[in-house]
C-alpha atoms as a PDB file:
ATOM      1  CA  MET A   1      35.012  37.048 134.970  1.00  0.00           C
ATOM      2  CA  LYS A   2      36.941  34.619 137.342  1.00  0.00           C
ATOM      3  CA  SER A   3      39.362  36.704 138.168  1.00  0.00           C
ATOM      4  CA  LYS A   4      37.141  40.019 138.366  1.00  0.00           C
ATOM      5  CA  LEU A   5      35.263  37.640 140.970  1.00  0.00           C
ATOM      6  CA  PHE A   6      38.345  36.727 142.717  1.00  0.00           C
ATOM      7  CA  TYR A   7      38.976  40.595 143.101  1.00  0.00           C
ATOM      8  CA  GLN A   8      35.797  41.463 144.604  1.00  0.00           C
ATOM      9  CA  ILE A   9      36.174  38.211 146.743  1.00  0.00           C
ATOM     10  CA  LEU A  10      39.558  39.470 148.359  1.00  0.00           C
ATOM     11  CA  VAL A  11      38.227  42.707 148.687  1.00  0.00           C
ATOM     12  CA  LEU A  12      35.230  42.083 150.339  1.00  0.00           C
ATOM     13  CA  ALA A  13      37.710  39.572 152.854  1.00  0.00           C
ATOM     14  CA  LEU A  14      39.960  42.102 153.439  1.00  0.00           C
ATOM     15  CA  GLY A  15      37.366  45.174 154.232  1.00  0.00           C
ATOM     16  CA  PHE A  16      35.959  42.659 156.866  1.00  0.00           C
ATOM     17  CA  ILE A  17      39.463  41.632 158.849  1.00  0.00           C
ATOM     18  CA  LEU A  18      40.051  45.643 158.817  1.00  0.00           C
ATOM     19  CA  VAL A  19      36.396  46.288 160.285  1.00  0.00           C
ATOM     20  CA  TRP A  20      37.385  42.909 162.365  1.00  0.00           C
ATOM     21  CA  GLN A  21      40.509  44.389 163.647  1.00  0.00           C
ATOM     22  CA  GLY A  22      38.846  47.634 164.353  1.00  0.00           C
ATOM     23  CA  LEU A  23      35.716  46.441 166.205  1.00  0.00           C
ATOM     24  CA  SER A  24      38.030  44.236 168.517  1.00  0.00           C
ATOM     25  CA  ARG A  25      40.158  47.471 169.429  1.00  0.00           C
ATOM     26  CA  PHE A  26      37.168  49.670 170.319  1.00  0.00           C
ATOM     27  CA  ASP A  27      36.368  49.438 173.972  1.00  0.00           C
ATOM     28  CA  PHE A  28      32.675  49.011 174.027  1.00  0.00           C
ATOM     29  CA  VAL A  29      32.332  48.572 177.782  1.00  0.00           C
ATOM     30  CA  GLY A  30      33.768  51.951 178.311  1.00  0.00           C
ATOM     31  CA  TYR A  31      31.782  53.462 175.642  1.00  0.00           C
ATOM     32  CA  PHE A  32      28.814  52.480 176.673  1.00  0.00           C
ATOM     33  CA  ASP A  33      29.842  52.608 180.822  1.00  0.00           C
ATOM     34  CA  LEU A  34      30.371  56.337 180.015  1.00  0.00           C
ATOM     35  CA  LYS A  35      27.036  56.862 177.701  1.00  0.00           C
ATOM     36  CA  ARG A  36      24.329  54.849 178.493  1.00  0.00           C
ATOM     37  CA  PHE A  37      25.091  53.566 182.343  1.00  0.00           C
ATOM     38  CA  SER A  38      24.026  56.603 183.927  1.00  0.00           C
ATOM     39  CA  ARG A  39      23.388  56.641 188.311  1.00  0.00           C
ATOM     40  CA  GLU A  40      19.985  56.858 187.877  1.00  0.00           C
ATOM     41  CA  GLN A  41      19.996  53.431 185.468  1.00  0.00           C
ATOM     42  CA  GLU A  42      22.570  51.909 187.840  1.00  0.00           C
ATOM     43  CA  GLU A  43      20.505  52.687 190.980  1.00  0.00           C
ATOM     44  CA  LYS A  44      17.670  51.336 189.092  1.00  0.00           C
ATOM     45  CA  ILE A  45      18.590  48.541 188.484  1.00  0.00           C
ATOM     46  CA  GLY A  46      20.315  47.744 191.781  1.00  0.00           C
ATOM     47  CA  GLU A  47      16.821  48.112 193.717  1.00  0.00           C
ATOM     48  CA  LEU A  48      15.500  46.107 191.286  1.00  0.00           C
ATOM     49  CA  LEU A  49      18.389  43.077 191.677  1.00  0.00           C
ATOM     50  CA  TYR A  50      17.186  43.210 195.234  1.00  0.00           C
ATOM     51  CA  LYS A  51      13.790  43.042 194.928  1.00  0.00           C
ATOM     52  CA  ILE A  52      14.392  39.742 193.138  1.00  0.00           C
ATOM     53  CA  LEU A  53      16.883  38.673 195.685  1.00  0.00           C
ATOM     54  CA  LYS A  54      14.342  38.988 198.494  1.00  0.00           C
ATOM     55  CA  LYS A  55      11.947  36.820 196.803  1.00  0.00           C
ATOM     56  CA  THR A  56      13.813  33.981 197.647  1.00  0.00           C
ATOM     57  CA  SER A  57      15.274  35.225 200.883  1.00  0.00           C
ATOM     58  CA  GLN A  58      15.081  37.230 204.346  1.00  0.00           C
ATOM     59  CA  GLU A  59      16.334  39.624 206.128  1.00  0.00           C
ATOM     60  CA  PRO A  60      17.701  38.671 209.782  1.00  0.00           C
ATOM     61  CA  GLU A  61      15.734  40.383 212.164  1.00  0.00           C
ATOM     62  CA  ASN A  62      19.274  40.843 214.334  1.00  0.00           C
ATOM     63  CA  GLU A  63      20.363  44.276 215.213  1.00  0.00           C
ATOM     64  CA  ASN A  64      23.453  43.369 216.238  1.00  0.00           C
ATOM     65  CA  VAL A  65      24.248  42.339 212.802  1.00  0.00           C
ATOM     66  CA  MET A  66      23.427  45.847 210.976  1.00  0.00           C
ATOM     67  CA  LEU A  67      25.453  47.867 214.062  1.00  0.00           C
ATOM     68  CA  LEU A  68      27.963  45.475 213.206  1.00  0.00           C
ATOM     69  CA  LEU A  69      28.234  46.444 209.149  1.00  0.00           C
ATOM     70  CA  ASP A  70      27.459  50.206 209.560  1.00  0.00           C
ATOM     71  CA  SER A  71      30.229  50.195 212.305  1.00  0.00           C
ATOM     72  CA  LEU A  72      32.338  49.019 209.692  1.00  0.00           C
ATOM     73  CA  LYS A  73      30.846  50.815 206.679  1.00  0.00           C
ATOM     74  CA  ILE A  74      31.869  54.253 208.471  1.00  0.00           C
ATOM     75  CA  LYS A  75      35.297  53.231 209.395  1.00  0.00           C
ATOM     76  CA  ILE A  76      36.104  51.548 205.999  1.00  0.00           C
ATOM     77  CA  CYS A  77      34.585  54.549 204.225  1.00  0.00           C
ATOM     78  CA  LEU A  78      35.701  57.230 206.174  1.00  0.00           C
ATOM     79  CA  ALA A  79      39.255  55.787 205.092  1.00  0.00           C
ATOM     80  CA  ALA A  80      38.319  55.343 201.650  1.00  0.00           C
ATOM     81  CA  GLU A  81      37.512  58.966 201.430  1.00  0.00           C
ATOM     82  CA  ILE A  82      34.001  58.161 200.506  1.00  0.00           C
ATOM     83  CA  ASP A  83      30.625  58.921 201.795  1.00  0.00           C
ATOM     84  CA  PRO A  84      29.070  56.447 204.221  1.00  0.00           C
ATOM     85  CA  GLU A  85      25.910  57.414 203.596  1.00  0.00           C
ATOM     86  CA  SER A  86      26.080  56.327 199.580  1.00  0.00           C
ATOM     87  CA  ILE A  87      26.844  52.966 200.091  1.00  0.00           C
ATOM     88  CA  LYS A  88      24.077  50.290 201.259  1.00  0.00           C
ATOM     89  CA  ILE A  89      24.677  47.344 203.028  1.00  0.00           C
ATOM     90  CA  ARG A  90      21.964  44.611 202.818  1.00  0.00           C
ATOM     91  CA  VAL A  91      22.279  41.207 204.957  1.00  0.00           C
ATOM     92  CA  ILE A  92      20.632  38.227 203.984  1.00  0.00           C
ATOM     93  CA  GLU A  93      19.744  35.271 206.079  1.00  0.00           C
ATOM     94  CA  ASP A  94      21.458  32.464 204.804  1.00  0.00           C
ATOM     95  CA  GLU A  95      24.184  30.164 205.820  1.00  0.00           C
ATOM     96  CA  THR A  96      26.086  30.628 202.652  1.00  0.00           C
ATOM     97  CA  VAL A  97      29.485  32.045 202.628  1.00  0.00           C
ATOM     98  CA  ASN A  98      29.339  34.702 200.297  1.00  0.00           C
ATOM     99  CA  ALA A  99      29.139  38.602 200.022  1.00  0.00           C
ATOM    100  CA  PHE A 100      28.650  40.691 196.519  1.00  0.00           C
ATOM    101  CA  ALA A 101      28.232  43.953 195.391  1.00  0.00           C
ATOM    102  CA  LEU A 102      25.198  45.497 193.118  1.00  0.00           C
ATOM    103  CA  PRO A 103      24.503  47.972 191.072  1.00  0.00           C
ATOM    104  CA  GLY A 104      23.306  51.567 192.854  1.00  0.00           C
ATOM    105  CA  ARG A 105      26.409  50.842 195.457  1.00  0.00           C
ATOM    106  CA  GLN A 106      25.283  48.370 197.598  1.00  0.00           C
ATOM    107  CA  ILE A 107      26.681  45.779 199.535  1.00  0.00           C
ATOM    108  CA  VAL A 108      25.218  42.016 200.025  1.00  0.00           C
ATOM    109  CA  PHE A 109      26.346  39.628 202.758  1.00  0.00           C
ATOM    110  CA  PHE A 110      24.990  36.770 203.396  1.00  0.00           C
ATOM    111  CA  THR A 111      24.930  35.856 207.422  1.00  0.00           C
ATOM    112  CA  GLY A 112      26.744  32.469 206.266  1.00  0.00           C
ATOM    113  CA  LEU A 113      30.127  34.880 206.176  1.00  0.00           C
ATOM    114  CA  ILE A 114      29.909  36.744 209.480  1.00  0.00           C
ATOM    115  CA  SER A 115      29.126  33.798 210.985  1.00  0.00           C
ATOM    116  CA  ALA A 116      32.801  32.004 209.650  1.00  0.00           C
ATOM    117  CA  SER A 117      34.155  34.878 210.517  1.00  0.00           C
ATOM    118  CA  ASP A 118      36.629  35.099 213.448  1.00  0.00           C
ATOM    119  CA  HIS A 119      37.441  38.339 214.027  1.00  0.00           C
ATOM    120  CA  PRO A 120      35.330  41.562 213.316  1.00  0.00           C
ATOM    121  CA  GLU A 121      38.582  42.850 210.925  1.00  0.00           C
ATOM    122  CA  GLU A 122      37.921  39.361 208.333  1.00  0.00           C
ATOM    123  CA  VAL A 123      34.585  40.991 207.544  1.00  0.00           C
ATOM    124  CA  ALA A 124      35.876  44.447 207.562  1.00  0.00           C
ATOM    125  CA  GLY A 125      38.333  42.970 204.923  1.00  0.00           C
ATOM    126  CA  VAL A 126      35.486  41.586 202.767  1.00  0.00           C
ATOM    127  CA  MET A 127      33.992  44.956 203.182  1.00  0.00           C
ATOM    128  CA  ALA A 128      36.807  46.706 201.904  1.00  0.00           C
ATOM    129  CA  HIS A 129      37.302  44.380 198.716  1.00  0.00           C
ATOM    130  CA  GLU A 130      33.898  44.955 197.723  1.00  0.00           C
ATOM    131  CA  LEU A 131      33.571  48.543 198.242  1.00  0.00           C
ATOM    132  CA  ALA A 132      36.751  48.306 195.839  1.00  0.00           C
ATOM    133  CA  HIS A 133      34.962  46.723 193.358  1.00  0.00           C
ATOM    134  CA  ILE A 134      32.307  49.721 193.123  1.00  0.00           C
ATOM    135  CA  THR A 135      34.425  52.702 193.134  1.00  0.00           C
ATOM    136  CA  ASN A 136      36.931  51.017 190.369  1.00  0.00           C
ATOM    137  CA  ASN A 137      33.394  50.494 188.421  1.00  0.00           C
ATOM    138  CA  HIS A 138      33.532  46.738 188.235  1.00  0.00           C
ATOM    139  CA  VAL A 139      30.424  46.190 188.905  1.00  0.00           C
ATOM    140  CA  SER A 140      29.271  48.630 185.709  1.00  0.00           C
ATOM    141  CA  LYS A 141      32.177  46.711 183.416  1.00  0.00           C
ATOM    142  CA  LYS A 142      30.694  43.107 184.648  1.00  0.00           C
ATOM    143  CA  ILE A 143      27.320  43.806 183.921  1.00  0.00           C
ATOM    144  CA  MET A 144      28.080  45.377 180.136  1.00  0.00           C
ATOM    145  CA  LYS A 145      30.586  42.116 179.424  1.00  0.00           C
ATOM    146  CA  ASP A 146      27.677  39.796 180.958  1.00  0.00           C
ATOM    147  CA  ALA A 147      24.783  41.403 179.651  1.00  0.00           C
ATOM    148  CA  GLY A 148      25.628  42.577 176.693  1.00  0.00           C
ATOM    149  CA  PHE A 149      23.523  44.825 174.001  1.00  0.00           C
ATOM    150  CA  ALA A 150      20.461  42.910 175.700  1.00  0.00           C
ATOM    151  CA  TYR A 151      20.932  44.679 178.668  1.00  0.00           C
ATOM    152  CA  ILE A 152      22.066  47.828 177.111  1.00  0.00           C
ATOM    153  CA  ALA A 153      18.942  48.073 174.846  1.00  0.00           C
ATOM    154  CA  SER A 154      17.013  47.565 177.701  1.00  0.00           C
ATOM    155  CA  ALA A 155      18.291  50.702 180.080  1.00  0.00           C
ATOM    156  CA  GLY A 156      18.098  52.450 177.269  1.00  0.00           C
ATOM    157  CA  GLY A 157      14.415  52.434 176.896  1.00  0.00           C
ATOM    158  CA  GLY A 158      13.949  52.547 180.404  1.00  0.00           C
ATOM    159  CA  GLN A 159      12.301  48.785 180.642  1.00  0.00           C
ATOM    160  CA  VAL A 160      14.552  45.889 181.837  1.00  0.00           C
ATOM    161  CA  SER A 161      13.057  41.964 181.559  1.00  0.00           C
ATOM    162  CA  SER A 162      12.791  40.045 184.340  1.00  0.00           C
ATOM    163  CA  GLU A 163      14.816  37.121 182.694  1.00  0.00           C
ATOM    164  CA  ILE A 164      17.587  39.752 182.476  1.00  0.00           C
ATOM    165  CA  LEU A 165      17.854  41.225 185.992  1.00  0.00           C
ATOM    166  CA  LYS A 166      18.071  37.237 186.662  1.00  0.00           C
ATOM    167  CA  ASN A 167      20.613  36.753 184.944  1.00  0.00           C
ATOM    168  CA  LEU A 168      22.756  39.728 185.890  1.00  0.00           C
ATOM    169  CA  LEU A 169      21.674  38.704 189.899  1.00  0.00           C
ATOM    170  CA  HIS A 170      23.239  35.405 189.432  1.00  0.00           C
ATOM    171  CA  GLN A 171      26.590  37.055 187.571  1.00  0.00           C
ATOM    172  CA  LEU A 172      27.083  39.083 190.111  1.00  0.00           C
ATOM    173  CA  SER A 173      26.701  37.179 193.322  1.00  0.00           C
ATOM    174  CA  SER A 174      28.093  33.358 191.524  1.00  0.00           C
ATOM    175  CA  THR A 175      30.836  34.635 189.258  1.00  0.00           C
ATOM    176  CA  ALA A 176      34.000  36.033 189.668  1.00  0.00           C
ATOM    177  CA  PHE A 177      35.590  39.504 188.475  1.00  0.00           C
ATOM    178  CA  ASP A 178      38.675  38.558 185.930  1.00  0.00           C
ATOM    179  CA  ARG A 179      41.795  38.490 187.423  1.00  0.00           C
ATOM    180  CA  VAL A 180      43.178  42.004 186.926  1.00  0.00           C
ATOM    181  CA  GLN A 181      40.117  43.475 188.692  1.00  0.00           C
ATOM    182  CA  GLU A 182      40.256  40.798 191.221  1.00  0.00           C
ATOM    183  CA  SER A 183      43.800  42.066 192.233  1.00  0.00           C
ATOM    184  CA  GLU A 184      42.844  45.622 191.620  1.00  0.00           C
ATOM    185  CA  ALA A 185      40.325  45.432 194.195  1.00  0.00           C
ATOM    186  CA  ASP A 186      42.885  43.335 196.349  1.00  0.00           C
ATOM    187  CA  LYS A 187      45.407  46.128 196.392  1.00  0.00           C
ATOM    188  CA  VAL A 188      42.566  49.281 197.250  1.00  0.00           C
ATOM    189  CA  ALA A 189      41.248  46.824 199.827  1.00  0.00           C
ATOM    190  CA  THR A 190      44.625  46.196 201.361  1.00  0.00           C
ATOM    191  CA  GLN A 191      45.196  50.219 201.185  1.00  0.00           C
ATOM    192  CA  THR A 192      42.156  50.691 202.490  1.00  0.00           C
ATOM    193  CA  LEU A 193      42.661  48.797 205.158  1.00  0.00           C
ATOM    194  CA  MET A 194      45.789  49.903 206.129  1.00  0.00           C
ATOM    195  CA  LYS A 195      44.538  53.867 206.492  1.00  0.00           C
ATOM    196  CA  SER A 196      41.548  52.784 208.834  1.00  0.00           C
ATOM    197  CA  GLY A 197      44.419  51.377 210.942  1.00  0.00           C
ATOM    198  CA  ILE A 198      43.003  47.335 210.333  1.00  0.00           C
ATOM    199  CA  ASN A 199      45.324  44.605 210.093  1.00  0.00           C
ATOM    200  CA  PRO A 200      45.397  43.867 206.460  1.00  0.00           C
ATOM    201  CA  GLU A 201      46.593  40.266 207.980  1.00  0.00           C
ATOM    202  CA  TYR A 202      43.042  39.593 209.322  1.00  0.00           C
ATOM    203  CA  PHE A 203      41.700  39.553 205.660  1.00  0.00           C
ATOM    204  CA  ALA A 204      44.722  37.350 204.491  1.00  0.00           C
ATOM    205  CA  SER A 205      43.967  35.112 207.100  1.00  0.00           C
ATOM    206  CA  PHE A 206      40.361  34.714 206.159  1.00  0.00           C
ATOM    207  CA  LEU A 207      41.518  33.872 202.682  1.00  0.00           C
ATOM    208  CA  GLU A 208      43.295  30.980 203.625  1.00  0.00           C
ATOM    209  CA  LYS A 209      41.154  29.913 206.248  1.00  0.00           C
ATOM    210  CA  LEU A 210      38.167  29.281 203.353  1.00  0.00           C
ATOM    211  CA  SER A 211      40.238  27.865 200.608  1.00  0.00           C
ATOM    212  CA  LYS A 212      40.232  25.121 203.284  1.00  0.00           C
ATOM    213  CA  ASP A 213      38.561  22.268 202.174  1.00  0.00           C
ATOM    214  CA  GLU A 214      34.924  22.891 201.923  1.00  0.00           C
ATOM    215  CA  ASP A 215      33.886  19.678 203.445  1.00  0.00           C
ATOM    216  CA  GLN A 216      36.346  20.098 206.089  1.00  0.00           C
ATOM    217  CA  ILE A 217      34.259  23.239 207.239  1.00  0.00           C
ATOM    218  CA  GLY A 218      31.246  22.214 206.209  1.00  0.00           C
ATOM    219  CA  VAL A 219      29.714  24.941 205.048  1.00  0.00           C
ATOM    220  CA  ASN A 220      28.988  26.778 201.157  1.00  0.00           C
ATOM    221  CA  LEU A 221      31.850  28.572 200.241  1.00  0.00           C
ATOM    222  CA  GLU A 222      30.597  30.697 197.322  1.00  0.00           C
ATOM    223  CA  TRP A 223      32.568  34.089 198.205  1.00  0.00           C
ATOM    224  CA  ILE A 224      35.919  31.970 197.565  1.00  0.00           C
ATOM    225  CA  SER A 225      34.631  29.741 194.229  1.00  0.00           C
ATOM    226  CA  THR A 226      33.978  33.141 193.105  1.00  0.00           C
ATOM    227  CA  HIS A 227      37.683  35.104 194.440  1.00  0.00           C
ATOM    228  CA  PRO A 228      39.971  31.835 193.150  1.00  0.00           C
ATOM    229  CA  GLU A 229      43.841  31.771 193.807  1.00  0.00           C
ATOM    230  CA  SER A 230      43.164  32.450 197.206  1.00  0.00           C
ATOM    231  CA  LYS A 231      46.657  31.361 198.917  1.00  0.00           C
ATOM    232  CA  LYS A 232      48.272  33.584 195.819  1.00  0.00           C
ATOM    233  CA  ARG A 233      46.112  36.736 196.707  1.00  0.00           C
ATOM    234  CA  ALA A 234      46.883  36.141 200.767  1.00  0.00           C
ATOM    235  CA  ASP A 235      50.430  36.343 199.827  1.00  0.00           C
ATOM    236  CA  ASP A 236      50.032  39.613 197.423  1.00  0.00           C
ATOM    237  CA  VAL A 237      48.503  41.164 200.537  1.00  0.00           C
ATOM    238  CA  ARG A 238      50.973  40.552 203.096  1.00  0.00           C
ATOM    239  CA  ASP A 239      53.357  41.586 200.461  1.00  0.00           C
ATOM    240  CA  LEU A 240      51.195  45.162 200.115  1.00  0.00           C
ATOM    241  CA  ALA A 241      51.062  45.366 204.076  1.00  0.00           C
ATOM    242  CA  VAL A 242      55.072  44.773 204.836  1.00  0.00           C
ATOM    243  CA  GLY A 243      56.068  46.786 207.427  1.00  0.00           C
ATOM    244  CA  PHE A 244      52.642  48.077 208.735  1.00  0.00           C
ATOM    245  CA  LYS A 245      51.788  48.778 212.184  1.00  0.00           C
ATOM    246  CA  ALA A 246      47.690  48.066 212.921  1.00  0.00           C
ATOM    247  CA  ASN A 247      45.913  50.237 215.640  1.00  0.00           C
ATOM    248  CA  ARG A 248      45.900  48.299 218.277  1.00  0.00           C
ATOM    249  CA  LEU A 249      42.284  49.612 219.347  1.00  0.00           C
ATOM    250  CA  PRO A 250      39.475  46.795 218.358  1.00  0.00           C
ATOM    251  CA  VAL A 251      37.700  47.929 215.190  1.00  0.00           C
ATOM    252  CA  VAL A 252      34.479  47.255 217.033  1.00  0.00           C
ATOM    253  CA  SER A 253      33.777  46.508 220.296  1.00  0.00           C
ATOM    254  CA  ASP A 254      33.915  43.491 222.286  1.00  0.00           C
ATOM    255  CA  SER A 255      30.499  43.272 223.109  1.00  0.00           C
ATOM    256  CA  LEU A 256      28.988  43.913 220.153  1.00  0.00           C
ATOM    257  CA  TRP A 257      31.556  41.464 218.381  1.00  0.00           C
ATOM    258  CA  ASN A 258      30.558  38.814 220.722  1.00  0.00           C
ATOM    259  CA  GLY A 259      26.572  39.523 220.728  1.00  0.00           C
ATOM    260  CA  VAL A 260      26.608  38.937 216.550  1.00  0.00           C
ATOM    261  CA  LYS A 261      28.396  35.456 217.515  1.00  0.00           C
ATOM    262  CA  ALA A 262      26.247  34.779 220.663  1.00  0.00           C
ATOM    263  CA  ASP A 263      22.986  35.358 218.213  1.00  0.00           C
ATOM    264  CA  PHE A 264      24.396  32.892 215.728  1.00  0.00           C
ATOM    265  CA  LYS A 265      25.285  30.457 217.568  1.00  0.00           C
ATOM    266  CA  SER A 266      21.575  30.779 219.066  1.00  0.00           C
ATOM    267  CA  GLN A 267      20.461  29.914 216.122  1.00  0.00           C
ATOM    268  CA  GLU A 268      22.045  26.843 215.442  1.00  0.00           C
END
């Protein structure tokens, strides 16, 4: 009797191990990414997330900022062979140095990041990086990984709770992608910058600049906290750009960039 019971337990244990190994090798993120997360759902979730963000924030009434970002978007999207109209640029009035991608092909900039930039090419570098997260499906994969089956079930039924949305917004705006995805986004961004004639050195310098002590700069460096290993990443960007000859023409007019910086200074 004991021998029979022992073998039954052994069979169950082996069965559990085999099932576990099979599940561990299955790409749940990829499966649900393809089967459940349609473009329509992504756009719906993205709009809902931005509405939640706007409830506690406001958009700046600054035409120069939007003109700057739209000009950079067109240049970078064309270099990446993406329809500029398919990418939505959002701006939030917040001194935090941050930018992040949302579902529905949205990129959100906080005014603090633009204010902390010394050159428009630095803003272009950040935009190219966030665009790479979108085009490489990092945003969709992060949602599936972080929100899990609760999100999948909700999205599949057409309803997503406010708690799930708030958690998603927090994950996308204040936590990092994994190291492989960040490296991939940097590589794609660097290639896009070079195709557009923008020197990636500005992007590398921006990474190094913001990796300094937060107290020394005096602002909340959210973008760096969610994009760690900045010094190494800057070195990698420079390695990718070895031998690149940048276009000497400015990425935007000096008058536009100076107007943006003057607007920020007047608000201090």
